[in-house]
Structure formats: C-alpha cells, structure tokens
C-alpha cells in the first residue's frame, strides 16, 4: 500500500502495531530519503522476531558497551520503544551525507497516538506485518520494560 506514496507536505502517519521492527525501519528510511515527513505512532506495539530470552540477552550485551575513559561520555543506549526505533532508522540512513541528516530530522516517533495525529489516515506496510502468531514475537514495550524503561 505504501509503495505508491508520493512526497507531500503533510506527514505520512504509520501505525506500527504488529509490524516487525527491522522491516518497518527499512520502509520508513526509504520514505524519509524520498523527502517525506514520517510520523510513527504506537511504537510500543512493534514486534521483534526471535525468542524473548535471546532478544533481551542481546540488548543487555549492547547496554554494556561504554566508553573506556568515562561511561558518562557515551555511547547512550535508548530504552524507550520510540527512541529504540529512531535509533534503528538512523542506522539505515546515510551517516555523512546531508541527505541522511535531513531525512532524520523529518522523522517523528510516538508512544501511543497523539491528539494532533489522530485525524490523519494511518498507513500500514503489508510486507512488514507479522506472519505468525503474536506469541512468536516480543513487543518493543516488553523489551523496554525489561531493560529499564519506566513509563
């Protein structure tokens, strides 16, 4: 459905419920590089495929990465579902080109649906939706709560 999207002044609102995280991020990165403004709502309902214990173990290992000199200097690791997704999308954009920097500025992610975006038509990416039962996935909110996100 989102393959026919053309550049507009209004933001493209994506409802992220039951989308697989990586596939959603790659589709949104393409839209951003085309010059669209993209807002993603319901980031807490994004699914991550794989076993829950393995996902949490990998993210905890990622959290251990810190600066040798002083951990205060970073790198900073997101714990909220919306910031985790923002970081994933940032990794799919060109880092040193101005097109990637400008594209990242056009991205907005939200937990839940804010009032100002409630009236917009929300799109879904059919190829990014989960294919098996939801018991085979872990939600981004579940991961966030386990690694230290306090709502």
N, C-alpha and C. Protein backbone atom coordinates (compact mmCIF):
# COMPACT_ATOMS: atom_id res chain seq x y z
N UNK A 1 0.82 -1.19 0.00
CA UNK A 1 0.00 0.00 0.00
C UNK A 1 0.86 1.26 0.00
N UNK A 2 1.95 1.26 0.78
CA UNK A 2 2.79 2.44 0.89
C UNK A 2 3.75 2.58 -0.27
N UNK A 3 3.75 1.63 -1.23
CA UNK A 3 4.65 1.72 -2.36
C UNK A 3 4.27 2.86 -3.30
N UNK A 4 3.00 3.28 -3.29
CA UNK A 4 2.55 4.34 -4.18
C UNK A 4 2.61 5.72 -3.53
N UNK A 5 3.23 5.85 -2.37
CA UNK A 5 3.25 7.12 -1.64
C UNK A 5 4.14 8.11 -2.36
N UNK A 6 3.63 9.32 -2.57
CA UNK A 6 4.42 10.39 -3.19
C UNK A 6 4.68 11.47 -2.16
N UNK A 7 5.62 12.36 -2.44
CA UNK A 7 6.02 13.40 -1.49
C UNK A 7 4.89 14.41 -1.29
N UNK A 8 4.56 14.67 -0.02
CA UNK A 8 3.53 15.64 0.32
C UNK A 8 4.02 16.51 1.47
N UNK A 9 3.30 17.62 1.70
CA UNK A 9 3.65 18.49 2.83
C UNK A 9 3.15 17.92 4.15
N UNK A 10 2.05 17.18 4.09
CA UNK A 10 1.51 16.57 5.30
C UNK A 10 2.36 15.37 5.68
N UNK A 11 2.50 15.09 6.96
CA UNK A 11 3.29 13.91 7.33
C UNK A 11 2.57 12.62 6.98
N UNK A 12 3.34 11.61 6.64
CA UNK A 12 2.80 10.27 6.43
C UNK A 12 2.77 9.63 7.82
N UNK A 13 1.59 9.21 8.25
CA UNK A 13 1.44 8.62 9.58
C UNK A 13 1.38 7.11 9.44
N UNK A 14 2.32 6.43 10.10
CA UNK A 14 2.40 4.97 10.03
C UNK A 14 1.96 4.41 11.37
N UNK A 15 0.98 3.51 11.35
CA UNK A 15 0.57 2.81 12.57
C UNK A 15 1.44 1.57 12.69
N UNK A 16 2.31 1.53 13.69
CA UNK A 16 3.33 0.49 13.79
C UNK A 16 2.84 -0.78 14.49
N UNK A 17 1.57 -0.86 14.83
CA UNK A 17 1.05 -2.03 15.52
C UNK A 17 1.25 -3.29 14.68
N UNK A 18 1.83 -4.32 15.30
CA UNK A 18 2.07 -5.62 14.67
C UNK A 18 2.99 -5.58 13.45
N UNK A 19 3.91 -4.63 13.41
CA UNK A 19 4.93 -4.60 12.37
C UNK A 19 6.22 -5.19 12.95
N UNK A 20 7.01 -5.85 12.10
CA UNK A 20 8.32 -6.33 12.51
C UNK A 20 9.28 -5.14 12.47
N UNK A 21 10.08 -4.97 13.51
CA UNK A 21 10.88 -3.76 13.71
C UNK A 21 11.81 -3.44 12.54
N UNK A 22 12.60 -4.38 12.10
CA UNK A 22 13.58 -4.11 11.05
C UNK A 22 12.94 -3.79 9.71
N UNK A 23 11.89 -4.52 9.36
CA UNK A 23 11.21 -4.27 8.09
C UNK A 23 10.52 -2.92 8.09
N UNK A 24 9.92 -2.56 9.22
CA UNK A 24 9.29 -1.25 9.34
C UNK A 24 10.33 -0.15 9.19
N UNK A 25 11.48 -0.32 9.87
CA UNK A 25 12.53 0.69 9.83
C UNK A 25 13.06 0.89 8.42
N UNK A 26 13.24 -0.17 7.67
CA UNK A 26 13.77 -0.02 6.31
C UNK A 26 12.77 0.67 5.40
N UNK A 27 11.48 0.35 5.54
CA UNK A 27 10.46 1.03 4.72
C UNK A 27 10.38 2.51 5.06
N UNK A 28 10.45 2.85 6.33
CA UNK A 28 10.39 4.25 6.75
C UNK A 28 11.64 5.00 6.28
N UNK A 29 12.80 4.36 6.34
CA UNK A 29 14.04 5.00 5.88
C UNK A 29 13.93 5.36 4.40
N UNK A 30 13.33 4.48 3.59
CA UNK A 30 13.15 4.78 2.17
C UNK A 30 12.24 5.99 1.98
N UNK A 31 11.14 6.04 2.74
CA UNK A 31 10.23 7.18 2.63
C UNK A 31 10.93 8.48 3.01
N UNK A 32 11.75 8.43 4.06
CA UNK A 32 12.46 9.63 4.51
C UNK A 32 13.45 10.12 3.45
N UNK A 33 14.16 9.18 2.82
CA UNK A 33 15.13 9.56 1.80
C UNK A 33 14.47 10.11 0.54
N UNK A 34 13.19 9.80 0.35
CA UNK A 34 12.44 10.35 -0.78
C UNK A 34 11.96 11.77 -0.49
N UNK A 35 12.17 12.26 0.74
CA UNK A 35 11.80 13.62 1.08
C UNK A 35 10.51 13.76 1.85
N UNK A 36 9.92 12.66 2.30
CA UNK A 36 8.65 12.71 3.04
C UNK A 36 8.90 12.95 4.52
N UNK A 37 7.93 13.58 5.17
CA UNK A 37 7.92 13.65 6.63
C UNK A 37 7.13 12.46 7.12
N UNK A 38 7.70 11.70 8.07
CA UNK A 38 7.06 10.47 8.53
C UNK A 38 6.88 10.54 10.04
N UNK A 39 5.68 10.23 10.50
CA UNK A 39 5.39 10.10 11.92
C UNK A 39 4.95 8.66 12.17
N UNK A 40 5.56 8.03 13.17
CA UNK A 40 5.23 6.65 13.50
C UNK A 40 4.53 6.65 14.86
N UNK A 41 3.33 6.10 14.90
CA UNK A 41 2.56 6.05 16.15
C UNK A 41 2.49 4.60 16.64
N UNK A 42 2.20 4.44 17.92
CA UNK A 42 2.09 3.13 18.58
C UNK A 42 3.39 2.34 18.52
N UNK A 43 4.50 2.98 18.83
CA UNK A 43 5.81 2.31 18.78
C UNK A 43 5.92 1.21 19.83
N UNK A 44 5.11 1.26 20.87
CA UNK A 44 5.21 0.22 21.89
C UNK A 44 4.67 -1.12 21.40
N UNK A 45 3.92 -1.13 20.29
CA UNK A 45 3.33 -2.37 19.77
C UNK A 45 4.13 -2.98 18.64
N UNK A 46 5.32 -2.48 18.38
CA UNK A 46 6.18 -3.06 17.34
C UNK A 46 6.69 -4.40 17.83
N UNK A 47 6.78 -5.36 16.93
CA UNK A 47 7.22 -6.71 17.28
C UNK A 47 8.68 -6.94 16.87
N UNK A 48 9.38 -7.70 17.69
CA UNK A 48 10.74 -8.12 17.38
C UNK A 48 10.70 -9.63 17.29
N UNK A 49 11.19 -10.18 16.17
CA UNK A 49 11.11 -11.63 15.99
C UNK A 49 12.27 -12.31 16.70
N UNK A 50 12.01 -13.52 17.15
CA UNK A 50 13.02 -14.28 17.87
C UNK A 50 12.54 -14.61 19.27
N UNK A 51 13.32 -15.43 19.96
CA UNK A 51 12.91 -15.81 21.32
C UNK A 51 13.14 -14.63 22.26
N UNK A 52 12.24 -14.48 23.20
CA UNK A 52 12.28 -13.35 24.13
C UNK A 52 13.59 -13.32 24.91
N UNK A 53 14.04 -14.47 25.39
CA UNK A 53 15.26 -14.51 26.19
C UNK A 53 16.48 -14.10 25.37
N UNK A 54 16.52 -14.51 24.10
CA UNK A 54 17.65 -14.16 23.24
C UNK A 54 17.66 -12.66 22.92
N UNK A 55 16.51 -12.09 22.67
CA UNK A 55 16.42 -10.65 22.37
C UNK A 55 16.90 -9.84 23.56
N UNK A 56 16.44 -10.21 24.75
CA UNK A 56 16.81 -9.47 25.97
C UNK A 56 18.29 -9.65 26.26
N UNK A 57 18.82 -10.84 26.06
CA UNK A 57 20.25 -11.08 26.29
C UNK A 57 21.10 -10.23 25.35
N UNK A 58 20.73 -10.19 24.07
CA UNK A 58 21.48 -9.39 23.09
C UNK A 58 21.43 -7.91 23.43
N UNK A 59 20.28 -7.41 23.86
CA UNK A 59 20.18 -5.99 24.18
C UNK A 59 20.94 -5.67 25.46
N UNK A 60 20.93 -6.57 26.43
CA UNK A 60 21.72 -6.34 27.65
C UNK A 60 23.21 -6.31 27.34
N UNK A 61 23.66 -7.17 26.42
CA UNK A 61 25.06 -7.12 25.98
C UNK A 61 25.37 -5.79 25.31
N UNK A 62 24.42 -5.30 24.52
CA UNK A 62 24.58 -4.00 23.86
C UNK A 62 24.68 -2.87 24.88
N UNK A 63 23.94 -2.99 25.99
CA UNK A 63 23.97 -1.95 27.03
C UNK A 63 25.31 -1.89 27.75
N UNK A 64 26.08 -2.97 27.71
CA UNK A 64 27.37 -3.00 28.40
C UNK A 64 28.44 -2.22 27.66
N UNK A 65 28.20 -1.87 26.40
CA UNK A 65 29.19 -1.11 25.62
C UNK A 65 29.22 0.31 26.17
N UNK A 66 30.39 0.74 26.61
CA UNK A 66 30.53 2.09 27.16
C UNK A 66 31.92 2.62 26.81
N UNK A 67 32.16 3.85 27.13
CA UNK A 67 33.45 4.47 26.87
C UNK A 67 34.48 3.94 27.87
N UNK A 68 35.70 3.72 27.40
CA UNK A 68 36.77 3.26 28.29
C UNK A 68 37.13 4.37 29.28
N UNK A 69 37.13 5.60 28.81
CA UNK A 69 37.56 6.72 29.64
C UNK A 69 36.55 7.01 30.73
N UNK A 70 35.30 7.25 30.33
CA UNK A 70 34.26 7.58 31.29
C UNK A 70 32.91 7.22 30.67
N UNK A 71 32.13 6.37 31.31
CA UNK A 71 30.84 5.97 30.73
C UNK A 71 29.90 7.16 30.49
N UNK A 72 30.15 8.27 31.18
CA UNK A 72 29.32 9.45 31.00
C UNK A 72 29.44 10.01 29.58
N UNK A 73 30.53 9.67 28.89
CA UNK A 73 30.77 10.19 27.55
C UNK A 73 30.03 9.41 26.47
N UNK A 74 29.31 8.36 26.85
CA UNK A 74 28.53 7.61 25.87
C UNK A 74 29.24 6.35 25.45
N UNK A 75 28.74 5.61 24.53
CA UNK A 75 27.53 5.88 23.77
C UNK A 75 26.27 5.70 24.63
N UNK A 76 25.23 6.43 24.26
CA UNK A 76 23.98 6.38 25.00
C UNK A 76 23.06 5.36 24.36
N UNK A 77 22.46 4.53 25.16
CA UNK A 77 21.62 3.44 24.66
C UNK A 77 20.16 3.73 24.99
N UNK A 78 19.31 3.78 23.96
CA UNK A 78 17.89 4.06 24.22
C UNK A 78 17.20 2.91 24.92
N UNK A 79 16.22 3.24 25.76
CA UNK A 79 15.45 2.23 26.47
C UNK A 79 13.95 2.35 26.19
N UNK A 80 13.52 3.50 25.68
CA UNK A 80 12.11 3.68 25.34
C UNK A 80 11.84 3.14 23.94
N UNK A 81 10.67 2.56 23.70
CA UNK A 81 10.38 1.98 22.38
C UNK A 81 10.51 2.98 21.22
N UNK A 82 10.05 4.21 21.42
CA UNK A 82 10.13 5.18 20.32
C UNK A 82 11.57 5.58 20.02
N UNK A 83 12.41 5.69 21.04
CA UNK A 83 13.80 6.07 20.79
C UNK A 83 14.62 4.89 20.26
N UNK A 84 14.24 3.66 20.64
CA UNK A 84 14.91 2.48 20.06
C UNK A 84 14.65 2.45 18.56
N UNK A 85 13.40 2.70 18.15
CA UNK A 85 13.06 2.69 16.73
C UNK A 85 13.76 3.83 15.99
N UNK A 86 13.82 5.01 16.60
CA UNK A 86 14.51 6.14 15.98
C UNK A 86 15.97 5.79 15.72
N UNK A 87 16.59 5.13 16.68
CA UNK A 87 17.99 4.73 16.54
C UNK A 87 18.15 3.69 15.43
N UNK A 88 17.19 2.77 15.31
CA UNK A 88 17.25 1.76 14.25
C UNK A 88 17.16 2.42 12.88
N UNK A 89 16.26 3.37 12.74
CA UNK A 89 16.08 4.06 11.46
C UNK A 89 17.30 4.91 11.15
N UNK A 90 17.87 5.55 12.15
CA UNK A 90 19.07 6.35 11.95
C UNK A 90 20.21 5.51 11.39
N UNK A 91 20.28 4.25 11.83
CA UNK A 91 21.32 3.36 11.33
C UNK A 91 21.12 2.97 9.87
N UNK A 92 19.92 3.16 9.34
CA UNK A 92 19.64 2.81 7.95
C UNK A 92 19.74 4.01 7.01
N UNK A 93 20.07 5.17 7.55
CA UNK A 93 20.22 6.38 6.73
C UNK A 93 21.71 6.66 6.52
N UNK A 94 22.07 7.33 5.42
CA UNK A 94 23.47 7.68 5.20
C UNK A 94 23.97 8.60 6.32
N UNK A 95 25.14 8.27 6.86
CA UNK A 95 25.62 8.98 8.03
C UNK A 95 26.28 10.31 7.70
N UNK A 96 27.10 10.34 6.65
CA UNK A 96 27.90 11.53 6.40
C UNK A 96 27.34 12.43 5.31
N UNK A 97 26.26 12.01 4.68
CA UNK A 97 25.66 12.83 3.63
C UNK A 97 24.60 13.73 4.23
N UNK A 98 24.42 14.89 3.63
CA UNK A 98 23.38 15.80 4.13
C UNK A 98 22.00 15.21 3.92
N UNK A 99 21.83 14.34 2.90
CA UNK A 99 20.51 13.74 2.67
C UNK A 99 20.08 12.89 3.86
N UNK A 100 21.01 12.17 4.47
CA UNK A 100 20.69 11.34 5.63
C UNK A 100 20.38 12.18 6.86
N UNK A 101 21.14 13.26 7.05
CA UNK A 101 20.91 14.13 8.20
C UNK A 101 19.56 14.83 8.08
N UNK A 102 19.24 15.32 6.89
CA UNK A 102 17.95 15.98 6.67
C UNK A 102 16.80 14.99 6.81
N UNK A 103 16.99 13.78 6.31
CA UNK A 103 15.94 12.77 6.40
C UNK A 103 15.65 12.43 7.86
N UNK A 104 16.68 12.34 8.68
CA UNK A 104 16.48 12.00 10.09
C UNK A 104 15.72 13.10 10.82
N UNK A 105 15.88 14.34 10.39
CA UNK A 105 15.15 15.45 11.02
C UNK A 105 13.66 15.40 10.70
N UNK A 106 13.28 14.72 9.61
CA UNK A 106 11.87 14.63 9.21
C UNK A 106 11.14 13.48 9.89
N UNK A 107 11.81 12.75 10.77
CA UNK A 107 11.20 11.59 11.43
C UNK A 107 10.68 11.97 12.81
N UNK A 108 9.47 11.47 13.14
CA UNK A 108 8.90 11.61 14.48
C UNK A 108 8.36 10.25 14.89
N UNK A 109 8.64 9.87 16.14
CA UNK A 109 8.11 8.60 16.65
C UNK A 109 7.36 8.89 17.95
N UNK A 110 6.28 8.15 18.18
CA UNK A 110 5.44 8.39 19.35
C UNK A 110 5.03 7.09 20.01
N UNK A 111 4.89 7.14 21.33
CA UNK A 111 4.27 6.06 22.08
C UNK A 111 2.79 6.41 22.14
N UNK A 112 1.94 5.52 21.65
CA UNK A 112 0.52 5.85 21.55
C UNK A 112 0.28 6.74 20.34
N UNK A 113 -0.89 7.35 20.30
CA UNK A 113 -1.24 8.25 19.20
C UNK A 113 -1.53 9.64 19.77
N UNK A 114 -0.74 10.65 19.45
CA UNK A 114 -1.02 12.00 19.95
C UNK A 114 -2.28 12.58 19.31
N UNK A 115 -2.90 13.55 19.99
CA UNK A 115 -4.16 14.13 19.52
C UNK A 115 -4.03 14.76 18.14
N UNK A 116 -2.90 15.44 17.88
CA UNK A 116 -2.76 16.15 16.59
C UNK A 116 -2.65 15.20 15.40
N UNK A 117 -2.32 13.93 15.64
CA UNK A 117 -2.22 12.96 14.54
C UNK A 117 -3.42 12.01 14.50
N UNK A 118 -4.35 12.17 15.42
CA UNK A 118 -5.49 11.26 15.50
C UNK A 118 -6.38 11.30 14.28
N UNK A 119 -6.51 12.46 13.61
CA UNK A 119 -7.41 12.59 12.46
C UNK A 119 -6.76 12.18 11.14
N UNK A 120 -5.44 11.97 11.13
CA UNK A 120 -4.74 11.61 9.90
C UNK A 120 -5.01 10.15 9.52
N UNK A 121 -4.97 9.87 8.23
CA UNK A 121 -5.10 8.49 7.77
C UNK A 121 -3.78 7.77 8.05
N UNK A 122 -3.89 6.61 8.66
CA UNK A 122 -2.69 5.86 9.03
C UNK A 122 -2.46 4.74 8.02
N UNK A 123 -1.20 4.58 7.61
CA UNK A 123 -0.89 3.52 6.66
C UNK A 123 -0.19 2.38 7.37
N UNK A 124 -0.22 1.22 6.76
CA UNK A 124 0.49 0.04 7.25
C UNK A 124 1.28 -0.54 6.07
N UNK A 125 2.43 -1.12 6.36
CA UNK A 125 3.23 -1.78 5.34
C UNK A 125 2.89 -3.27 5.39
N UNK A 126 2.23 -3.77 4.35
CA UNK A 126 1.79 -5.17 4.36
C UNK A 126 2.96 -6.14 4.44
N UNK A 127 4.07 -5.81 3.78
CA UNK A 127 5.23 -6.71 3.79
C UNK A 127 5.97 -6.68 5.12
N UNK A 128 5.69 -5.70 5.97
CA UNK A 128 6.37 -5.59 7.26
C UNK A 128 5.54 -6.15 8.41
N UNK A 129 4.34 -6.62 8.12
CA UNK A 129 3.46 -7.15 9.16
C UNK A 129 3.95 -8.51 9.62
N UNK A 130 3.57 -8.90 10.85
CA UNK A 130 3.95 -10.22 11.36
C UNK A 130 3.19 -11.28 10.58
N UNK A 131 3.82 -12.45 10.42
CA UNK A 131 3.20 -13.51 9.63
C UNK A 131 2.74 -14.68 10.48
N UNK A 132 3.34 -14.85 11.64
CA UNK A 132 2.97 -15.96 12.53
C UNK A 132 2.14 -15.42 13.69
N UNK A 133 1.82 -16.27 14.63
CA UNK A 133 1.06 -15.85 15.80
C UNK A 133 1.90 -14.87 16.62
N UNK A 134 1.25 -13.94 17.29
CA UNK A 134 1.98 -12.91 18.03
C UNK A 134 2.77 -13.49 19.21
N UNK A 135 2.50 -14.75 19.59
CA UNK A 135 3.25 -15.38 20.67
C UNK A 135 4.70 -15.66 20.26
N UNK A 136 4.99 -15.66 18.95
CA UNK A 136 6.34 -15.90 18.47
C UNK A 136 7.20 -14.65 18.46
N UNK A 137 6.66 -13.53 18.89
CA UNK A 137 7.37 -12.25 18.86
C UNK A 137 7.38 -11.62 20.24
N UNK A 138 8.26 -10.64 20.41
CA UNK A 138 8.31 -9.85 21.64
C UNK A 138 7.99 -8.41 21.27
N UNK A 139 7.16 -7.75 22.06
CA UNK A 139 6.84 -6.35 21.75
C UNK A 139 7.98 -5.45 22.19
N UNK A 140 8.05 -4.30 21.55
CA UNK A 140 9.09 -3.32 21.90
C UNK A 140 8.87 -2.81 23.33
N UNK A 141 7.62 -2.71 23.77
CA UNK A 141 7.33 -2.26 25.14
C UNK A 141 7.84 -3.28 26.15
N UNK A 142 7.68 -4.56 25.85
CA UNK A 142 8.15 -5.61 26.75
C UNK A 142 9.67 -5.56 26.87
N UNK A 143 10.36 -5.37 25.75
CA UNK A 143 11.82 -5.22 25.78
C UNK A 143 12.21 -4.01 26.58
N UNK A 144 11.53 -2.89 26.36
CA UNK A 144 11.85 -1.65 27.06
C UNK A 144 11.70 -1.78 28.56
N UNK A 145 10.60 -2.38 29.00
CA UNK A 145 10.38 -2.54 30.44
C UNK A 145 11.44 -3.42 31.07
N UNK A 146 11.89 -4.44 30.35
CA UNK A 146 12.89 -5.36 30.88
C UNK A 146 14.25 -4.70 31.02
N UNK A 147 14.59 -3.78 30.13
CA UNK A 147 15.93 -3.17 30.16
C UNK A 147 15.97 -1.83 30.89
N UNK A 148 14.85 -1.42 31.50
CA UNK A 148 14.92 -0.23 32.34
C UNK A 148 14.04 0.94 31.96
N UNK A 149 13.10 0.77 31.05
CA UNK A 149 12.18 1.86 30.68
C UNK A 149 11.11 1.95 31.74
N UNK A 150 10.95 3.12 32.32
CA UNK A 150 9.87 3.36 33.27
C UNK A 150 8.87 4.28 32.59
N UNK A 151 7.65 3.82 32.45
CA UNK A 151 6.65 4.56 31.68
C UNK A 151 6.24 5.83 32.34
